[in-house]
Structure formats: structure tokens, C-alpha cells
C-alpha atoms as a PDB file:
ATOM      1  CA  ALA A   1     -38.429 -19.026  69.955  1.00  0.00           C
ATOM      2  CA  VAL A   2     -36.628 -21.470  67.667  1.00  0.00           C
ATOM      3  CA  VAL A   3     -39.783 -22.002  65.625  1.00  0.00           C
ATOM      4  CA  SER A   4     -40.371 -18.268  65.350  1.00  0.00           C
ATOM      5  CA  THR A   5     -36.743 -17.621  64.230  1.00  0.00           C
ATOM      6  CA  GLN A   6     -36.992 -20.451  61.613  1.00  0.00           C
ATOM      7  CA  SER A   7     -40.328 -19.063  60.305  1.00  0.00           C
ATOM      8  CA  THR A   8     -38.823 -15.583  60.006  1.00  0.00           C
ATOM      9  CA  GLY A   9     -35.821 -16.985  58.051  1.00  0.00           C
ATOM     10  CA  GLU A  10     -38.141 -18.860  55.629  1.00  0.00           C
ATOM     11  CA  THR A  11     -40.133 -15.622  55.142  1.00  0.00           C
ATOM     12  CA  ILE A  12     -37.006 -13.663  54.242  1.00  0.00           C
ATOM     13  CA  ILE A  13     -35.930 -16.379  51.789  1.00  0.00           C
ATOM     14  CA  ALA A  14     -39.298 -16.430  50.187  1.00  0.00           C
ATOM     15  CA  LYS A  15     -39.331 -12.662  49.750  1.00  0.00           C
ATOM     16  CA  ASP A  16     -35.762 -12.819  48.263  1.00  0.00           C
ATOM     17  CA  ARG A  17     -36.840 -15.390  45.745  1.00  0.00           C
ATOM     18  CA  ALA A  18     -39.959 -13.338  44.870  1.00  0.00           C
ATOM     19  CA  ARG A  19     -37.702 -10.265  44.265  1.00  0.00           C
ATOM     20  CA  ASP A  20     -35.332 -12.288  42.155  1.00  0.00           C
ATOM     21  CA  ASN A  21     -38.172 -13.623  40.099  1.00  0.00           C
ATOM     22  CA  THR A  22     -39.643 -10.159  39.597  1.00  0.00           C
ATOM     23  CA  ARG A  23     -36.223  -8.759  38.586  1.00  0.00           C
ATOM     24  CA  ILE A  24     -35.686 -11.599  36.019  1.00  0.00           C
ATOM     25  CA  LEU A  25     -39.147 -10.989  34.603  1.00  0.00           C
ATOM     26  CA  MET A  26     -38.596  -7.254  34.338  1.00  0.00           C
ATOM     27  CA  GLU A  27     -35.216  -7.690  32.601  1.00  0.00           C
ATOM     28  CA  SER A  28     -36.829 -10.135  30.204  1.00  0.00           C
ATOM     29  CA  GLU A  29     -39.601  -7.647  29.322  1.00  0.00           C
ATOM     30  CA  LYS A  30     -36.994  -4.839  28.937  1.00  0.00           C
ATOM     31  CA  LYS A  31     -34.966  -6.960  26.548  1.00  0.00           C
ATOM     32  CA  LYS A  32     -38.094  -7.665  24.424  1.00  0.00           C
ATOM     33  CA  ASP A  33     -39.031  -3.984  24.343  1.00  0.00           C
ATOM     34  CA  LYS A  34     -35.475  -3.067  23.417  1.00  0.00           C
ATOM     35  CA  GLU A  35     -35.496  -5.519  20.473  1.00  0.00           C
ATOM     36  CA  LYS A  36     -38.890  -4.178  19.237  1.00  0.00           C
ATOM     37  CA  THR A  37     -37.666  -0.574  19.485  1.00  0.00           C
ATOM     38  CA  LYS A  38     -34.534  -1.547  17.620  1.00  0.00           C
ATOM     39  CA  GLY A  39     -36.491  -3.093  14.808  1.00  0.00           C
ATOM     40  CA  LYS A  40     -38.824  -0.082  14.568  1.00  0.00           C
ATOM     41  CA  GLU A  41     -35.839   2.338  14.608  1.00  0.00           C
ATOM     42  CA  LYS A  42     -34.153   0.385  11.818  1.00  0.00           C
ATOM     43  CA  LEU A  43     -37.331   0.409   9.689  1.00  0.00           C
ATOM     44  CA  LYS A  44     -37.789   4.139  10.421  1.00  0.00           C
ATOM     45  CA  THR A  45     -34.227   4.813   9.434  1.00  0.00           C
ATOM     46  CA  LEU A  46     -34.711   3.023   6.108  1.00  0.00           C
ATOM     47  CA  ARG A  47     -37.970   4.869   5.494  1.00  0.00           C
ATOM     48  CA  SER A  48     -36.252   8.164   6.080  1.00  0.00           C
ATOM     49  CA  LEU A  49     -34.184   7.340   2.992  1.00  0.00           C
ATOM     50  CA  LEU A  50     -37.267   7.598   0.763  1.00  0.00           C
ATOM     51  CA  PRO A  51     -37.351  10.635  -1.487  1.00  0.00           C
ATOM     52  CA  SER A  52     -39.639  13.412  -0.418  1.00  0.00           C
ATOM     53  CA  ASP A  53     -41.237  13.674  -3.822  1.00  0.00           C
ATOM     54  CA  LYS A  54     -43.277  10.407  -3.832  1.00  0.00           C
ATOM     55  CA  LYS A  55     -44.971  10.935  -7.139  1.00  0.00           C
ATOM     56  CA  ALA A  56     -42.527  12.316  -9.657  1.00  0.00           C
ATOM     57  CA  LYS A  57     -43.992  13.259 -13.025  1.00  0.00           C
ATOM     58  CA  ASN A  58     -43.877  10.631 -15.804  1.00  0.00           C
ATOM     59  CA  LYS A  59     -40.828  11.205 -17.991  1.00  0.00           C
ATOM     60  CA  ASN A  60     -42.000   9.113 -20.917  1.00  0.00           C
ATOM     61  CA  PRO A  61     -45.792   8.686 -21.193  1.00  0.00           C
ATOM     62  CA  THR A  62     -45.459   6.530 -24.391  1.00  0.00           C
ATOM     63  CA  THR A  63     -43.475   3.789 -22.658  1.00  0.00           C
ATOM     64  CA  LEU A  64     -46.466   2.252 -20.797  1.00  0.00           C
ATOM     65  CA  LYS A  65     -48.586   2.255 -23.927  1.00  0.00           C
ATOM     66  CA  SER A  66     -45.806   0.628 -25.926  1.00  0.00           C
ATOM     67  CA  VAL A  67     -45.275  -2.015 -23.267  1.00  0.00           C
ATOM     68  CA  ASN A  68     -48.982  -2.830 -23.111  1.00  0.00           C
ATOM     69  CA  ILE A  69     -49.112  -3.202 -26.921  1.00  0.00           C
ATOM     70  CA  LEU A  70     -46.277  -5.712 -27.006  1.00  0.00           C
ATOM     71  CA  ILE A  71     -47.396  -7.676 -23.951  1.00  0.00           C
ATOM     72  CA  GLU A  72     -51.005  -7.936 -25.190  1.00  0.00           C
ATOM     73  CA  HIS A  73     -49.629  -9.377 -28.470  1.00  0.00           C
ATOM     74  CA  LEU A  74     -47.324 -11.822 -26.787  1.00  0.00           C
ATOM     75  CA  GLU A  75     -50.107 -13.010 -24.437  1.00  0.00           C
ATOM     76  CA  LYS A  76     -52.363 -13.678 -27.410  1.00  0.00           C
ATOM     77  CA  THR A  77     -49.829 -15.399 -29.644  1.00  0.00           C
ATOM     78  CA  SER A  78     -46.726 -16.626 -27.900  1.00  0.00           C
ATOM     79  CA  LEU A  79     -47.189 -17.885 -24.313  1.00  0.00           C
ATOM     80  CA  ASP A  80     -46.343 -21.413 -25.438  1.00  0.00           C
ATOM     81  CA  LEU A  81     -43.228 -20.272 -27.384  1.00  0.00           C
ATOM     82  CA  GLU A  82     -40.194 -22.068 -26.047  1.00  0.00           C
ATOM     83  CA  GLY A  83     -37.570 -19.520 -24.649  1.00  0.00           C
ATOM     84  CA  LEU A  84     -39.982 -16.617 -24.528  1.00  0.00           C
ATOM     85  CA  CYS A  85     -38.220 -13.650 -23.041  1.00  0.00           C
ATOM     86  CA  ARG A  86     -34.889 -15.584 -23.059  1.00  0.00           C
ATOM     87  CA  VAL A  87     -34.123 -16.289 -26.728  1.00  0.00           C
ATOM     88  CA  SER A  88     -32.964 -13.168 -28.619  1.00  0.00           C
ATOM     89  CA  GLY A  89     -34.416 -12.110 -31.942  1.00  0.00           C
ATOM     90  CA  ASN A  90     -32.457 -10.383 -34.668  1.00  0.00           C
ATOM     91  CA  VAL A  91     -30.774  -7.400 -33.123  1.00  0.00           C
ATOM     92  CA  ASN A  92     -31.587  -4.979 -35.976  1.00  0.00           C
ATOM     93  CA  LYS A  93     -35.176  -6.091 -36.232  1.00  0.00           C
ATOM     94  CA  VAL A  94     -35.541  -5.848 -32.468  1.00  0.00           C
ATOM     95  CA  LYS A  95     -34.328  -2.239 -32.392  1.00  0.00           C
ATOM     96  CA  GLU A  96     -36.366  -1.319 -35.518  1.00  0.00           C
ATOM     97  CA  LEU A  97     -39.630  -2.733 -33.944  1.00  0.00           C
ATOM     98  CA  LYS A  98     -38.954  -1.018 -30.561  1.00  0.00           C
ATOM     99  CA  GLU A  99     -38.552   2.411 -32.291  1.00  0.00           C
ATOM    100  CA  LYS A 100     -41.566   1.869 -34.520  1.00  0.00           C
ATOM    101  CA  VAL A 101     -43.815   0.871 -31.605  1.00  0.00           C
ATOM    102  CA  MET A 102     -42.717   3.765 -29.498  1.00  0.00           C
ATOM    103  CA  ILE A 103     -43.546   6.174 -32.372  1.00  0.00           C
ATOM    104  CA  GLU A 104     -46.579   4.652 -34.088  1.00  0.00           C
ATOM    105  CA  GLY A 105     -48.071   2.630 -31.221  1.00  0.00           C
ATOM    106  CA  GLU A 106     -51.186   0.517 -32.234  1.00  0.00           C
ATOM    107  CA  LYS A 107     -50.626   1.335 -35.919  1.00  0.00           C
ATOM    108  CA  VAL A 108     -47.843  -1.273 -36.033  1.00  0.00           C
ATOM    109  CA  ASP A 109     -49.136  -4.626 -37.285  1.00  0.00           C
ATOM    110  CA  LEU A 110     -47.336  -7.164 -35.003  1.00  0.00           C
ATOM    111  CA  ASP A 111     -49.032 -10.067 -36.838  1.00  0.00           C
ATOM    112  CA  ASP A 112     -46.682  -9.382 -39.723  1.00  0.00           C
ATOM    113  CA  ILE A 113     -43.713 -10.339 -37.504  1.00  0.00           C
ATOM    114  CA  LEU A 114     -43.118 -14.073 -37.864  1.00  0.00           C
ATOM    115  CA  ASP A 115     -40.385 -14.374 -35.259  1.00  0.00           C
ATOM    116  CA  LYS A 116     -42.076 -13.553 -31.979  1.00  0.00           C
ATOM    117  CA  HIS A 117     -38.675 -13.429 -30.218  1.00  0.00           C
ATOM    118  CA  VAL A 118     -38.265 -10.119 -32.008  1.00  0.00           C
ATOM    119  CA  VAL A 119     -41.385  -8.935 -30.211  1.00  0.00           C
ATOM    120  CA  SER A 120     -40.270 -10.035 -26.799  1.00  0.00           C
ATOM    121  CA  GLY A 121     -36.893  -8.575 -27.655  1.00  0.00           C
ATOM    122  CA  ALA A 122     -38.406  -5.197 -28.344  1.00  0.00           C
ATOM    123  CA  LEU A 123     -40.211  -5.390 -25.028  1.00  0.00           C
ATOM    124  CA  LYS A 124     -36.971  -6.026 -23.151  1.00  0.00           C
ATOM    125  CA  LEU A 125     -35.248  -3.263 -25.099  1.00  0.00           C
ATOM    126  CA  ILE A 126     -37.756  -0.722 -23.951  1.00  0.00           C
ATOM    127  CA  PHE A 127     -36.943  -1.378 -20.333  1.00  0.00           C
ATOM    128  CA  ARG A 128     -33.209  -1.614 -21.003  1.00  0.00           C
ATOM    129  CA  GLU A 129     -33.218   1.785 -22.700  1.00  0.00           C
ATOM    130  CA  MET A 130     -35.448   3.612 -20.238  1.00  0.00           C
ATOM    131  CA  GLU A 131     -33.980   6.991 -19.279  1.00  0.00           C
ATOM    132  CA  GLU A 132     -34.057   5.793 -15.717  1.00  0.00           C
ATOM    133  CA  PRO A 133     -34.321   2.139 -14.439  1.00  0.00           C
ATOM    134  CA  LEU A 134     -37.725   0.890 -13.534  1.00  0.00           C
ATOM    135  CA  LEU A 135     -36.964   0.940  -9.793  1.00  0.00           C
ATOM    136  CA  THR A 136     -35.256   4.286 -10.268  1.00  0.00           C
ATOM    137  CA  PHE A 137     -31.718   5.437  -9.275  1.00  0.00           C
ATOM    138  CA  ASP A 138     -32.960   7.113  -6.073  1.00  0.00           C
ATOM    139  CA  LEU A 139     -34.619   3.972  -4.673  1.00  0.00           C
ATOM    140  CA  TYR A 140     -32.326   1.242  -6.015  1.00  0.00           C
ATOM    141  CA  ALA A 141     -30.093   1.074  -2.926  1.00  0.00           C
ATOM    142  CA  ASN A 142     -33.187   1.041  -0.765  1.00  0.00           C
ATOM    143  CA  PHE A 143     -34.703  -1.930  -2.598  1.00  0.00           C
ATOM    144  CA  LEU A 144     -31.455  -3.730  -1.899  1.00  0.00           C
ATOM    145  CA  ALA A 145     -31.518  -2.723   1.715  1.00  0.00           C
ATOM    146  CA  ALA A 146     -35.188  -3.944   2.041  1.00  0.00           C
ATOM    147  CA  VAL A 147     -34.261  -7.390   0.651  1.00  0.00           C
ATOM    148  CA  GLU A 148     -31.546  -7.683   3.265  1.00  0.00           C
ATOM    149  CA  LEU A 149     -34.006  -7.377   6.108  1.00  0.00           C
ATOM    150  CA  LYS A 150     -34.366 -10.722   7.830  1.00  0.00           C
ATOM    151  CA  GLU A 151     -37.780 -10.269   9.352  1.00  0.00           C
ATOM    152  CA  GLN A 152     -40.617 -10.826   6.961  1.00  0.00           C
ATOM    153  CA  LYS A 153     -43.014  -8.133   8.231  1.00  0.00           C
ATOM    154  CA  PRO A 154     -40.496  -5.199   8.311  1.00  0.00           C
ATOM    155  CA  ARG A 155     -39.228  -6.325   4.800  1.00  0.00           C
ATOM    156  CA  ALA A 156     -42.734  -6.471   3.341  1.00  0.00           C
ATOM    157  CA  SER A 157     -43.649  -3.122   4.952  1.00  0.00           C
ATOM    158  CA  PHE A 158     -40.541  -1.338   3.541  1.00  0.00           C
ATOM    159  CA  LEU A 159     -40.972  -2.940   0.072  1.00  0.00           C
ATOM    160  CA  ARG A 160     -44.558  -1.720   0.025  1.00  0.00           C
ATOM    161  CA  SER A 161     -43.347   1.864   1.006  1.00  0.00           C
ATOM    162  CA  LEU A 162     -40.743   1.750  -1.765  1.00  0.00           C
ATOM    163  CA  VAL A 163     -43.270   0.596  -4.451  1.00  0.00           C
ATOM    164  CA  VAL A 164     -45.649   3.347  -3.386  1.00  0.00           C
ATOM    165  CA  SER A 165     -42.785   5.862  -3.651  1.00  0.00           C
ATOM    166  CA  LEU A 166     -42.087   4.999  -7.248  1.00  0.00           C
ATOM    167  CA  PRO A 167     -43.265   7.510  -9.881  1.00  0.00           C
ATOM    168  CA  GLN A 168     -46.771   6.668 -10.956  1.00  0.00           C
ATOM    169  CA  GLU A 169     -45.780   5.301 -14.460  1.00  0.00           C
ATOM    170  CA  ASN A 170     -43.039   3.175 -12.900  1.00  0.00           C
ATOM    171  CA  GLY A 171     -45.335   1.641 -10.439  1.00  0.00           C
ATOM    172  CA  VAL A 172     -47.915   0.778 -13.136  1.00  0.00           C
ATOM    173  CA  LEU A 173     -45.119  -0.581 -15.381  1.00  0.00           C
ATOM    174  CA  LEU A 174     -43.810  -2.781 -12.531  1.00  0.00           C
ATOM    175  CA  LYS A 175     -47.251  -4.194 -11.925  1.00  0.00           C
ATOM    176  CA  THR A 176     -47.834  -4.821 -15.660  1.00  0.00           C
ATOM    177  CA  LEU A 177     -44.367  -6.427 -16.043  1.00  0.00           C
ATOM    178  CA  LEU A 178     -44.735  -8.718 -13.031  1.00  0.00           C
ATOM    179  CA  LYS A 179     -48.224  -9.797 -14.093  1.00  0.00           C
ATOM    180  CA  PHE A 180     -46.940 -10.701 -17.575  1.00  0.00           C
ATOM    181  CA  LEU A 181     -43.951 -12.637 -16.165  1.00  0.00           C
ATOM    182  CA  TYR A 182     -46.318 -14.557 -13.913  1.00  0.00           C
ATOM    183  CA  THR A 183     -48.439 -15.418 -16.817  1.00  0.00           C
ATOM    184  CA  VAL A 184     -45.350 -16.570 -18.796  1.00  0.00           C
ATOM    185  CA  GLN A 185     -44.174 -18.889 -16.090  1.00  0.00           C
ATOM    186  CA  ALA A 186     -47.684 -20.347 -15.744  1.00  0.00           C
ATOM    187  CA  HIS A 187     -47.047 -21.781 -19.270  1.00  0.00           C
ATOM    188  CA  SER A 188     -43.560 -23.122 -18.247  1.00  0.00           C
ATOM    189  CA  GLU A 189     -44.372 -26.702 -19.318  1.00  0.00           C
ATOM    190  CA  ALA A 190     -44.612 -25.469 -22.900  1.00  0.00           C
ATOM    191  CA  ASN A 191     -42.255 -22.452 -22.994  1.00  0.00           C
ATOM    192  CA  LYS A 192     -39.659 -23.777 -20.569  1.00  0.00           C
ATOM    193  CA  MET A 193     -39.643 -20.393 -18.760  1.00  0.00           C
ATOM    194  CA  SER A 194     -39.813 -21.078 -15.040  1.00  0.00           C
ATOM    195  CA  TYR A 195     -39.192 -18.512 -12.390  1.00  0.00           C
ATOM    196  CA  ALA A 196     -35.505 -19.476 -12.439  1.00  0.00           C
ATOM    197  CA  ASN A 197     -35.233 -18.983 -16.176  1.00  0.00           C
ATOM    198  CA  LEU A 198     -37.041 -15.698 -16.152  1.00  0.00           C
ATOM    199  CA  ALA A 199     -34.802 -14.453 -13.377  1.00  0.00           C
END
């Protein structure tokens, strides 16, 4: 009888431990699911801020053409120029060239301009004087919110959503600009324009 009672007690203890382990495991799984759901809801909330019109019409179709003209010239002639995109050219000449390229396009002979900082200055002025910023007023706060996301996958996913949501010309301009800046920093030994200096 004593053995039977002892065996029954051990069985009860074993069952209690099994229930405790099961409960701990279930609570752990619930916590993980809750964290995943919270992350998805946060991403969903951020995505809900995107404008409904994902492909707004281009407001200035000449901007992309002008940017390409200036970048192509700089890539051919000035990648080793120290301070490229940082040193300022003559203010009046920069403004004059920017207006001329926007109006006349490829008819402008950029080879006649000896100071290539004037050419890079005109490029920067185009972006500075855009009717709306490259990343747009509507999406600016969202880009800042995306950068604040700590987890890499949600951050990358939301940034992709934002880039896709840019007006078509802005998206192409952004890609063109980033490609050019990457090319510039690739020649940083000569032009002294590292990522930090470009930023």
C-alpha cells in the first residue's frame, strides 16, 4: 500500500511538471506571435500613410533630361576633380548654366566651361530649385519614419514601398542621382569625395 501511494504521488508530480512545461511553452509561443503581429501592424500602419496616387504625373519633364546631360558630362570629364559636388562654382555662372541647360538641353556646349564646379553646381541647383523635393512633401515624413525602424527587413520593405510610391520621374531621378554619387565616391582617392563628404 505504501509503494502504491508513493507511485501515485510521483505520477501526480510528473503530470504537474508536464502541465507547467506545456504552459511555459505555450506562453513563450504566444509572446513570439504577439511580437510578430506587433511588427506587422506597425509596418501596416506605416504603409497606410502612403498616398493613394502612387504614380503622380511628372510636373517637369525637362528636369530628367537636363540632369542626364550634366551628369554625363561630369562623368566624362570630372570624376577626378577634387571637391566635385562640394566646391561651389561662381554663383552667377551656375545659375546661368542651369537655366540654359533647362531651356536648350543638348545644344549647350559644356566643353566651353572651363570650371567644372560650375557644371556640378548647376546640377545641384536643379535639385535645389525643384518645385517639389525629390522625395516629395507627401512622403518625406514617411522616409524619416522608415529610417527609424530598428529591424532591417521591415525597414527595407517600407523603404522599397516608398520608392515605388514616388512619381515616376522622381524615382528615375533618384536612381540616376544615386548611381552618379556612387560613381563619384568610387574615385574618392583622386577627388576626395568619400561617402561622408558627399553626405
